[in-house]
Amino acid sequence: MGSIEKYIFRTTLGAFVMVLVSLTGVIWITQALRGIDLMTNQGQTILVFIGVTGLAIPVLALIIAPLALTIAVAYNLNKLSADSEVIVMNAAGLPPWGLFRPFFYATIVVALFVSALAFYIAPDGLRRLKRWDTEITADVMANILQPGRFTQLEQNLTIRIRERQPGGLLTGIFVDDRRDPKERLSIMADRGTVLKNDKGTFLILESGNLQRFEIGKRDPALVAFTRYAFDMSKFVGQAQTVNYNMRERYLWELIWPPASDQAYLQIPGRFRAEMHDRLVAPIYPVAFVLLTFAFLGSPRTTRQSRTFSMVSAILAVLTLRIAGYALSVLATSSEWAALIQYALLFATAGLSLWVILRGIQIEPPAILISAFNRMIARLTRQPAAA
């Protein structure tokens, strides 16, 4: 690549990364805040919280990446046109493909990135999130023991906690254990924490006392303790079989599902639709960029308004994306919908590429531009140009 192409390539990818990180970060924060209570109850650190909720970021990036690239390309083309660089390049004899080439290289990079997300990274993140969710759902300490309630874990065993505090600290703990017919244990502790290691799960009680009532004895045995471990391993859910849905399966599991897969036998249409969604994902960045460049890539003087072309490009991209979503939904019940989606994308990309190579400037009728400019002027309260 020449110096101009490298410059356009770098600025396009830089703008893409900035838009992608910004949009993904905003959406991720809104989703991650929903899990703060659960993470607090589990006593996890902020790093664990970020790591777990971050498993959903690849899915968000997969959805946002094509639109982020479209915004980056539109921004870069508008910047080049505002600085009259496109006109200078055209006057110097640079063909339309020469200007589009660095944008195309950036599109290939993004398409490969989207392919990696769709085929492996995004479903792998969802699988890890599913396994973590299954583990904490099976954990009695996080889901059964509720503050202020007497919880009967099994017959003749009752536990109550007064409050959960940040960091996984439990306060006001009471345990009534009558499982042994020969004795009864009553334990009260000021505070406690949950300890998990290779030996099991233990409720570590601190600053409390233990009363043991034995059969045949008149007075109970009273023991004050600083630290006491109560075994909870029996009540912590064991490893469960995790069943992954379509979004949590790798691409090859969608293309070649096992013959005995019950989910596939029950809903083969959803498997087919998800498979085509993954395969078509890398095509969207290419189609979006070609469509955007077809509207905005032709040289224009500073007197020619680019607002209408910018709006037209945005509407065209959104229409294509909405049509893709609609066909994806229909693909669950019809194989033709998936084929139409491929045809629509390739037809749009092919027509846009033909417009770019021929150097055709897409311009609406003059009367439409005039009406549009008057509307913009009215909205901005500025007099329309004669």
Protein backbone atom coordinates (compact mmCIF):
# COMPACT_ATOMS: atom_id res chain seq x y z
CA MET A 1 0.00 0.00 0.00
CA GLY A 2 1.10 3.54 -0.69
CA SER A 3 1.29 6.26 1.93
CA ILE A 4 -2.23 7.52 1.15
CA GLU A 5 -3.69 4.03 1.37
CA LYS A 6 -1.91 3.36 4.66
CA TYR A 7 -3.22 6.64 6.04
CA ILE A 8 -6.83 5.82 5.09
CA PHE A 9 -6.44 2.23 6.32
CA ARG A 10 -5.13 3.34 9.72
CA THR A 11 -7.72 6.05 10.25
CA THR A 12 -10.57 3.73 9.27
CA LEU A 13 -9.50 0.95 11.61
CA GLY A 14 -8.80 3.50 14.36
CA ALA A 15 -12.28 4.97 14.05
CA PHE A 16 -13.76 1.47 13.95
CA VAL A 17 -12.03 0.45 17.17
CA MET A 18 -13.09 3.66 18.91
CA VAL A 19 -16.76 3.28 17.89
CA LEU A 20 -16.81 -0.45 18.67
CA VAL A 21 -15.28 -0.02 22.13
CA SER A 22 -17.56 2.90 22.97
CA LEU A 23 -20.83 1.28 21.91
CA THR A 24 -19.94 -2.14 23.30
CA GLY A 25 -18.81 -0.62 26.59
CA VAL A 26 -22.04 1.31 27.08
CA ILE A 27 -24.25 -1.69 26.35
CA TRP A 28 -22.05 -4.01 28.43
CA ILE A 29 -22.28 -1.74 31.47
CA THR A 30 -26.08 -1.68 31.31
CA GLN A 31 -26.14 -5.48 31.16
CA ALA A 32 -23.43 -6.05 33.78
CA LEU A 33 -25.15 -3.90 36.41
CA ARG A 34 -27.92 -6.51 36.60
CA GLY A 35 -25.49 -9.03 38.08
CA ILE A 36 -23.98 -6.89 40.82
CA ASP A 37 -26.29 -8.22 43.57
CA LEU A 38 -25.54 -11.82 42.70
CA MET A 39 -21.79 -11.24 42.63
CA THR A 40 -21.96 -9.39 45.95
CA ASN A 41 -23.83 -12.26 47.56
CA GLN A 42 -21.19 -14.63 46.27
CA GLY A 43 -18.45 -12.54 47.88
CA GLN A 44 -16.51 -12.19 44.65
CA THR A 45 -14.01 -9.46 43.86
CA ILE A 46 -14.52 -6.79 41.22
CA LEU A 47 -11.99 -8.54 39.00
CA VAL A 48 -14.04 -11.74 39.06
CA PHE A 49 -17.18 -9.70 38.38
CA ILE A 50 -15.59 -8.04 35.35
CA GLY A 51 -14.22 -11.34 34.12
CA VAL A 52 -17.55 -13.14 34.32
CA THR A 53 -19.71 -10.39 32.85
CA GLY A 54 -17.05 -9.80 30.21
CA LEU A 55 -17.86 -13.21 28.74
CA ALA A 56 -20.86 -11.57 27.05
CA ILE A 57 -18.74 -8.89 25.34
CA PRO A 58 -17.94 -11.01 22.22
CA VAL A 59 -21.66 -11.41 21.52
CA LEU A 60 -22.19 -7.67 21.76
CA ALA A 61 -19.15 -7.01 19.56
CA LEU A 62 -20.48 -9.47 16.98
CA ILE A 63 -23.70 -7.46 16.65
CA ILE A 64 -22.11 -4.01 16.80
CA ALA A 65 -18.98 -4.55 14.64
CA PRO A 66 -20.62 -4.22 11.18
CA LEU A 67 -22.42 -1.02 12.18
CA ALA A 68 -19.29 0.34 13.86
CA LEU A 69 -17.34 -0.20 10.64
CA THR A 70 -20.07 1.53 8.65
CA ILE A 71 -19.88 4.55 10.96
CA ALA A 72 -16.07 4.58 10.70
CA VAL A 73 -16.14 4.47 6.88
CA ALA A 74 -18.82 7.18 6.67
CA TYR A 75 -16.88 9.37 9.09
CA ASN A 76 -13.63 8.93 7.17
CA LEU A 77 -15.22 9.61 3.78
CA ASN A 78 -16.95 12.71 5.13
CA LYS A 79 -13.65 13.92 6.60
CA LEU A 80 -11.78 13.33 3.33
CA SER A 81 -14.48 15.15 1.39
CA ALA A 82 -14.67 18.09 3.83
CA ASP A 83 -10.91 18.58 3.44
CA SER A 84 -11.29 18.30 -0.36
CA GLU A 85 -8.88 15.36 -0.35
CA VAL A 86 -11.23 13.18 -2.40
CA ILE A 87 -11.43 15.84 -5.10
CA VAL A 88 -7.65 16.22 -5.16
CA MET A 89 -7.17 12.45 -5.42
CA ASN A 90 -9.67 12.28 -8.27
CA ALA A 91 -8.04 15.22 -10.07
CA ALA A 92 -4.67 13.49 -9.73
CA GLY A 93 -6.03 10.52 -11.66
CA LEU A 94 -6.78 8.15 -8.79
CA PRO A 95 -9.49 5.74 -10.02
CA PRO A 96 -12.53 4.95 -7.84
CA TRP A 97 -11.07 1.52 -6.97
CA GLY A 98 -7.86 3.20 -5.83
CA LEU A 99 -9.74 5.22 -3.22
CA PHE A 100 -11.88 2.26 -2.18
CA ARG A 101 -8.97 -0.16 -1.86
CA PRO A 102 -7.79 0.86 1.67
CA PHE A 103 -11.39 0.78 2.87
CA PHE A 104 -11.69 -2.70 1.39
CA TYR A 105 -8.55 -3.87 3.22
CA ALA A 106 -9.99 -2.58 6.49
CA THR A 107 -13.26 -4.36 5.71
CA ILE A 108 -11.45 -7.66 5.20
CA VAL A 109 -9.79 -7.28 8.61
CA VAL A 110 -13.14 -6.61 10.27
CA ALA A 111 -14.80 -9.48 8.37
CA LEU A 112 -12.13 -11.89 9.66
CA PHE A 113 -12.64 -10.50 13.16
CA VAL A 114 -16.41 -11.02 12.89
CA SER A 115 -15.82 -14.57 11.57
CA ALA A 116 -13.73 -15.45 14.62
CA LEU A 117 -16.41 -14.03 16.89
CA ALA A 118 -19.30 -15.80 15.17
CA PHE A 119 -17.65 -19.18 14.66
CA TYR A 120 -15.89 -19.66 18.00
CA ILE A 121 -15.26 -16.75 20.42
CA ALA A 122 -18.86 -15.63 21.03
CA PRO A 123 -20.34 -19.11 21.58
CA ASP A 124 -17.35 -20.07 23.73
CA GLY A 125 -17.96 -17.05 25.97
CA LEU A 126 -21.64 -17.93 26.28
CA ARG A 127 -20.75 -21.53 27.15
CA ARG A 128 -18.43 -20.37 29.94
CA LEU A 129 -21.13 -18.01 31.21
CA LYS A 130 -23.68 -20.85 31.15
CA ARG A 131 -21.39 -23.12 33.16
CA TRP A 132 -20.76 -20.39 35.74
CA ASP A 133 -24.47 -19.67 35.99
CA THR A 134 -25.22 -23.37 36.49
CA GLU A 135 -22.67 -23.58 39.27
CA ILE A 136 -24.01 -20.64 41.25
CA THR A 137 -27.61 -21.69 40.67
CA ALA A 138 -26.79 -25.03 42.29
CA ASP A 139 -25.10 -23.34 45.27
CA VAL A 140 -27.37 -23.42 48.29
CA MET A 141 -25.37 -20.72 50.07
CA ALA A 142 -26.22 -18.18 47.36
CA ASN A 143 -29.77 -19.13 46.47
CA ILE A 144 -31.51 -20.85 49.39
CA LEU A 145 -30.23 -19.05 52.46
CA GLN A 146 -32.12 -15.78 52.49
CA PRO A 147 -31.61 -13.10 55.17
CA GLY A 148 -34.23 -13.12 57.93
CA ARG A 149 -35.66 -16.53 57.07
CA PHE A 150 -35.42 -19.88 58.82
CA THR A 151 -34.34 -22.25 56.08
CA GLN A 152 -34.70 -26.01 56.52
CA LEU A 153 -31.91 -27.55 54.45
CA GLU A 154 -33.04 -31.05 55.32
CA GLN A 155 -35.09 -32.76 57.99
CA ASN A 156 -33.95 -31.62 61.48
CA LEU A 157 -31.46 -29.03 60.15
CA THR A 158 -32.42 -25.35 60.14
CA ILE A 159 -30.22 -22.32 59.43
CA ARG A 160 -30.96 -18.61 59.67
CA ILE A 161 -28.83 -15.60 58.78
CA ARG A 162 -29.69 -12.04 59.72
CA GLU A 163 -27.92 -10.18 56.93
CA ARG A 164 -25.59 -10.47 53.97
CA GLN A 165 -22.89 -7.82 53.78
CA PRO A 166 -20.52 -6.86 50.96
CA GLY A 167 -17.63 -9.24 50.48
CA GLY A 168 -19.72 -12.35 51.24
CA LEU A 169 -19.85 -11.70 55.00
CA LEU A 170 -22.83 -13.27 56.80
CA THR A 171 -23.97 -11.86 60.14
CA GLY A 172 -26.30 -13.12 62.88
CA ILE A 173 -26.02 -16.83 62.11
CA PHE A 174 -28.13 -19.45 63.89
CA VAL A 175 -27.88 -23.22 63.28
CA ASP A 176 -30.24 -25.80 64.80
CA ASP A 177 -28.96 -29.34 64.10
CA ARG A 178 -31.02 -32.30 65.32
CA ARG A 179 -29.95 -34.87 62.75
CA ASP A 180 -28.22 -37.01 65.38
CA PRO A 181 -30.97 -38.63 67.49
CA LYS A 182 -28.61 -38.78 70.47
CA GLU A 183 -27.90 -35.05 70.64
CA ARG A 184 -29.00 -31.61 69.53
CA LEU A 185 -26.67 -28.78 68.51
CA SER A 186 -27.56 -25.10 68.65
CA ILE A 187 -24.95 -22.76 67.22
CA MET A 188 -25.02 -18.97 67.28
CA ALA A 189 -22.30 -16.80 65.76
CA ASP A 190 -21.82 -13.10 65.19
CA ARG A 191 -20.53 -13.55 61.65
CA GLY A 192 -19.36 -16.11 59.15
CA THR A 193 -18.02 -16.67 55.67
CA VAL A 194 -18.14 -19.46 53.12
CA LEU A 195 -14.91 -21.33 52.41
CA LYS A 196 -14.58 -23.61 49.39
CA ASN A 197 -11.54 -25.83 48.88
CA ASP A 198 -10.65 -29.30 47.66
CA LYS A 199 -12.04 -30.81 50.88
CA GLY A 200 -15.50 -29.35 50.43
CA THR A 201 -17.58 -26.30 51.34
CA PHE A 202 -17.59 -25.00 54.90
CA LEU A 203 -19.45 -22.28 56.76
CA ILE A 204 -16.72 -20.67 58.86
CA LEU A 205 -18.36 -19.24 61.99
CA GLU A 206 -16.61 -16.63 64.15
CA SER A 207 -17.22 -15.26 67.66
CA GLY A 208 -20.04 -17.51 68.81
CA ASN A 209 -21.12 -20.29 71.10
CA LEU A 210 -22.26 -23.89 70.72
CA GLN A 211 -24.80 -25.65 72.93
CA ARG A 212 -24.87 -29.45 72.90
CA PHE A 213 -27.89 -31.22 74.43
CA GLU A 214 -27.15 -34.90 74.88
CA ILE A 215 -29.74 -37.59 75.64
CA GLY A 216 -29.65 -38.63 79.30
CA LYS A 217 -27.92 -35.50 80.53
CA ARG A 218 -29.71 -32.77 82.41
CA ASP A 219 -27.57 -29.74 81.54
CA PRO A 220 -26.30 -28.79 78.09
CA ALA A 221 -22.62 -28.46 77.27
CA LEU A 222 -21.82 -24.84 76.40
CA VAL A 223 -18.73 -24.04 74.35
CA ALA A 224 -17.60 -20.57 73.31
CA PHE A 225 -15.53 -20.49 70.17
CA THR A 226 -13.53 -17.99 68.19
CA ARG A 227 -13.67 -19.95 64.98
CA TYR A 228 -15.75 -22.99 64.06
CA ALA A 229 -16.17 -24.81 60.72
CA PHE A 230 -19.60 -26.22 59.87
CA ASP A 231 -19.53 -28.66 56.94
CA MET A 232 -21.90 -27.61 54.13
CA SER A 233 -20.52 -29.82 51.35
CA LYS A 234 -23.62 -32.00 51.34
CA PHE A 235 -25.85 -29.06 50.45
CA VAL A 236 -23.78 -27.58 47.63
CA GLY A 237 -24.96 -28.71 44.23
CA GLN A 238 -22.75 -31.15 42.47
CA ALA A 239 -21.65 -30.86 38.86
CA GLN A 240 -24.65 -30.91 36.56
CA THR A 241 -24.98 -31.72 32.92
CA VAL A 242 -25.04 -28.45 31.01
CA ASN A 243 -27.24 -28.34 27.92
CA TYR A 244 -26.23 -25.67 25.45
CA ASN A 245 -28.75 -23.86 23.28
CA MET A 246 -28.16 -22.83 19.67
CA ARG A 247 -26.33 -19.58 20.43
CA GLU A 248 -23.96 -21.43 22.75
CA ARG A 249 -22.88 -24.01 20.18
CA TYR A 250 -19.87 -23.77 17.91
CA LEU A 251 -20.42 -23.47 14.17
CA TRP A 252 -19.40 -27.06 13.45
CA GLU A 253 -21.90 -28.28 16.05
CA LEU A 254 -24.63 -26.49 14.12
CA ILE A 255 -23.52 -27.83 10.73
CA TRP A 256 -23.01 -31.42 11.90
CA PRO A 257 -25.21 -31.97 14.98
CA PRO A 258 -25.16 -35.47 16.50
CA ALA A 259 -27.91 -37.71 15.22
CA SER A 260 -29.08 -38.32 18.79
CA ASP A 261 -29.25 -34.63 19.73
CA GLN A 262 -32.74 -34.20 21.18
CA ALA A 263 -32.73 -30.41 20.74
CA TYR A 264 -31.92 -30.78 17.05
CA LEU A 265 -34.60 -33.43 16.58
CA GLN A 266 -37.20 -31.18 18.20
CA ILE A 267 -36.33 -27.83 16.59
CA PRO A 268 -34.18 -28.39 13.47
CA GLY A 269 -35.38 -25.10 12.01
CA ARG A 270 -33.77 -23.05 14.77
CA PHE A 271 -30.49 -24.91 14.27
CA ARG A 272 -30.63 -24.11 10.56
CA ALA A 273 -31.42 -20.44 11.16
CA GLU A 274 -28.59 -20.07 13.70
CA MET A 275 -26.13 -21.78 11.35
CA HIS A 276 -26.96 -19.39 8.51
CA ASP A 277 -26.73 -16.42 10.90
CA ARG A 278 -23.15 -17.43 11.73
CA LEU A 279 -22.19 -18.00 8.10
CA VAL A 280 -23.70 -14.73 6.92
CA ALA A 281 -22.20 -12.61 9.73
CA PRO A 282 -18.87 -11.86 7.93
CA ILE A 283 -20.74 -10.81 4.78
CA TYR A 284 -22.55 -7.94 6.48
CA PRO A 285 -19.43 -5.75 7.00
CA VAL A 286 -18.55 -6.14 3.31
CA ALA A 287 -22.07 -5.33 2.13
CA PHE A 288 -22.40 -2.37 4.49
CA VAL A 289 -19.10 -0.81 3.44
CA LEU A 290 -19.79 -1.27 -0.28
CA LEU A 291 -23.22 0.26 0.15
CA THR A 292 -21.88 3.20 2.17
CA PHE A 293 -19.05 3.88 -0.29
CA ALA A 294 -21.48 3.75 -3.23
CA PHE A 295 -23.38 6.68 -1.69
CA LEU A 296 -20.47 8.69 -0.24
CA GLY A 297 -17.35 7.69 -2.16
CA SER A 298 -17.79 9.78 -5.31
CA PRO A 299 -15.99 13.17 -5.34
CA ARG A 300 -18.11 16.24 -4.63
CA THR A 301 -17.27 19.91 -4.42
CA THR A 302 -17.77 21.79 -1.17
CA ARG A 303 -20.88 23.37 -2.66
CA GLN A 304 -22.53 20.00 -3.14
CA SER A 305 -24.33 18.92 0.00
CA ARG A 306 -23.44 15.46 1.33
CA THR A 307 -26.19 15.45 3.94
CA PHE A 308 -28.74 13.76 1.71
CA SER A 309 -26.24 11.12 0.63
CA MET A 310 -25.26 10.49 4.25
CA VAL A 311 -28.88 10.04 5.29
CA SER A 312 -29.54 7.82 2.27
CA ALA A 313 -26.55 5.61 3.13
CA ILE A 314 -27.69 5.23 6.75
CA LEU A 315 -31.24 4.37 5.71
CA ALA A 316 -30.00 1.86 3.13
CA VAL A 317 -27.76 0.10 5.67
CA LEU A 318 -30.52 -0.01 8.30
CA THR A 319 -33.02 -1.34 5.75
CA LEU A 320 -30.60 -4.08 4.73
CA ARG A 321 -29.97 -5.02 8.37
CA ILE A 322 -33.69 -5.08 9.27
CA ALA A 323 -34.43 -7.19 6.20
CA GLY A 324 -31.67 -9.58 7.28
CA TYR A 325 -33.19 -9.92 10.76
CA ALA A 326 -36.63 -10.58 9.29
CA LEU A 327 -35.29 -13.25 6.93
CA SER A 328 -33.33 -14.80 9.78
CA VAL A 329 -36.53 -15.21 11.78
CA LEU A 330 -38.33 -16.69 8.77
CA ALA A 331 -35.45 -19.12 8.22
CA THR A 332 -36.60 -21.14 11.25
CA SER A 333 -39.61 -22.30 9.26
CA SER A 334 -38.43 -21.93 5.66
CA GLU A 335 -35.15 -22.79 3.94
CA TRP A 336 -35.92 -20.28 1.21
CA ALA A 337 -35.62 -17.37 3.64
CA ALA A 338 -31.95 -18.15 4.25
CA LEU A 339 -31.28 -18.36 0.51
CA ILE A 340 -33.06 -15.04 -0.02
CA GLN A 341 -30.86 -13.47 2.68
CA TYR A 342 -27.70 -14.60 0.87
CA ALA A 343 -29.09 -13.40 -2.45
CA LEU A 344 -30.03 -10.02 -0.97
CA LEU A 345 -26.56 -9.45 0.50
CA PHE A 346 -24.67 -10.56 -2.63
CA ALA A 347 -26.98 -8.55 -4.89
CA THR A 348 -26.51 -5.42 -2.75
CA ALA A 349 -22.73 -5.92 -2.64
CA GLY A 350 -22.54 -6.60 -6.38
CA LEU A 351 -24.64 -3.59 -7.36
CA SER A 352 -22.70 -1.31 -5.01
CA LEU A 353 -19.38 -2.57 -6.39
CA TRP A 354 -20.59 -1.90 -9.94
CA VAL A 355 -21.52 1.67 -8.96
CA ILE A 356 -18.09 2.18 -7.36
CA LEU A 357 -16.08 0.79 -10.29
CA ARG A 358 -18.07 2.80 -12.84
CA GLY A 359 -17.63 5.96 -10.79
CA ILE A 360 -21.36 6.62 -10.78
CA GLN A 361 -22.50 9.38 -8.46
CA ILE A 362 -25.79 8.51 -6.81
CA GLU A 363 -27.79 11.70 -6.71
CA PRO A 364 -31.52 12.11 -6.10
CA PRO A 365 -33.63 14.37 -8.35
CA ALA A 366 -32.90 18.08 -7.95
CA ILE A 367 -36.44 18.78 -6.76
CA LEU A 368 -36.01 16.24 -3.96
CA ILE A 369 -32.68 17.77 -2.89
CA SER A 370 -34.25 21.22 -2.88
CA ALA A 371 -37.14 20.05 -0.71
CA PHE A 372 -34.74 18.28 1.64
CA ASN A 373 -32.54 21.39 1.99
CA ARG A 374 -35.60 23.53 2.75
CA MET A 375 -36.67 21.09 5.44
CA ILE A 376 -33.17 21.12 7.01
CA ALA A 377 -33.11 24.90 6.88
CA ARG A 378 -36.51 25.10 8.56
CA LEU A 379 -35.44 22.72 11.31
CA THR A 380 -32.23 24.64 11.95
CA ARG A 381 -33.98 27.98 11.56
CA GLN A 382 -31.61 29.10 8.86
CA PRO A 383 -32.64 30.67 5.53
CA ALA A 384 -32.46 28.19 2.67
CA ALA A 385 -29.88 28.89 -0.03
CA ALA A 386 -31.31 30.28 -3.23
